[in-house]
């Protein structure tokens, strides 16, 4: 196994073009597990830790451009105000040592259905920026996941950044596991309210072949809030509305039985998390009036 160490983004893209089978590594929290268990033995590892551009984030024209190499710890420390849902999800990732090493871009690249960052990013309607020597393209995150641990990256592409317009309303993230952190999610759910356009964003994790949004649940809730005038009045939400939202979220999942949990438990937990997330987010929305 050869180790490639580019010193700039252009060198990294050239190396990936020359060696399409090279596996990118930054924090190594996913890649090293695969290597240690001998599940994958690539011919080349492409070390991205020296690429300064990947480790930075910026706020421009109302949008956060989050470099693929930004760690979970930095999301928690520096972006909790702008992206509270992603910060909540980041707090559940492994131990402090893992959060100091693991990156949001690496989580996306692994494309695991159980990845903790996915639900919050889906709820915030994020885009992903992909780059190669041929140029740069952007995809809605919903189009990035193509199957279990598969993504839309071409062989010569790398993830450059995640682009997120911070939702104008409250955000929430919930995760079910044997404990709150240092564990793979049995199921996870992200929620974001977008009151400026009377919209709702959702993200489902670990309950389908890929992370996904619950579109029918989003449309149902946004319309119900509009019909009742709740976006404007910020009045208390009827409990039956939160319960029905949870049922819609449950219907959007397609979970399986595995060693971490049954399909039935995953479906039930999603409904509960969706109901609770909405209740908490709505309470925050009312307090912000």
Foldseek 3Di string as FASTA:
>chain_A
DEEAEDQEPQVLQVVLVVPLQAAEDFLCPPVVVCVVVVVDDTPYHYYPNNYVLQCDWDADPQKIWHRQQHFLVCCLVPVCVQQVAQNLLSVQEADPSSRVRDGPNVLLQQQALQRSNFWSCQFQQKKWWKDHPVGIDIDGSQQQRDFHSHGDDDSSIGTTTIMGRRAPFDKHKDFDAPDRHNGGGCKIKIKGARLVVLWIGMWIGNFARGIDTLVVLGVLLSVVCVVVVCSPVLDQDDLVNLLVSLLSQLVSGHGDDDPGGHNVVRSVVSSVVSSVRVNVRSVRRSVVD
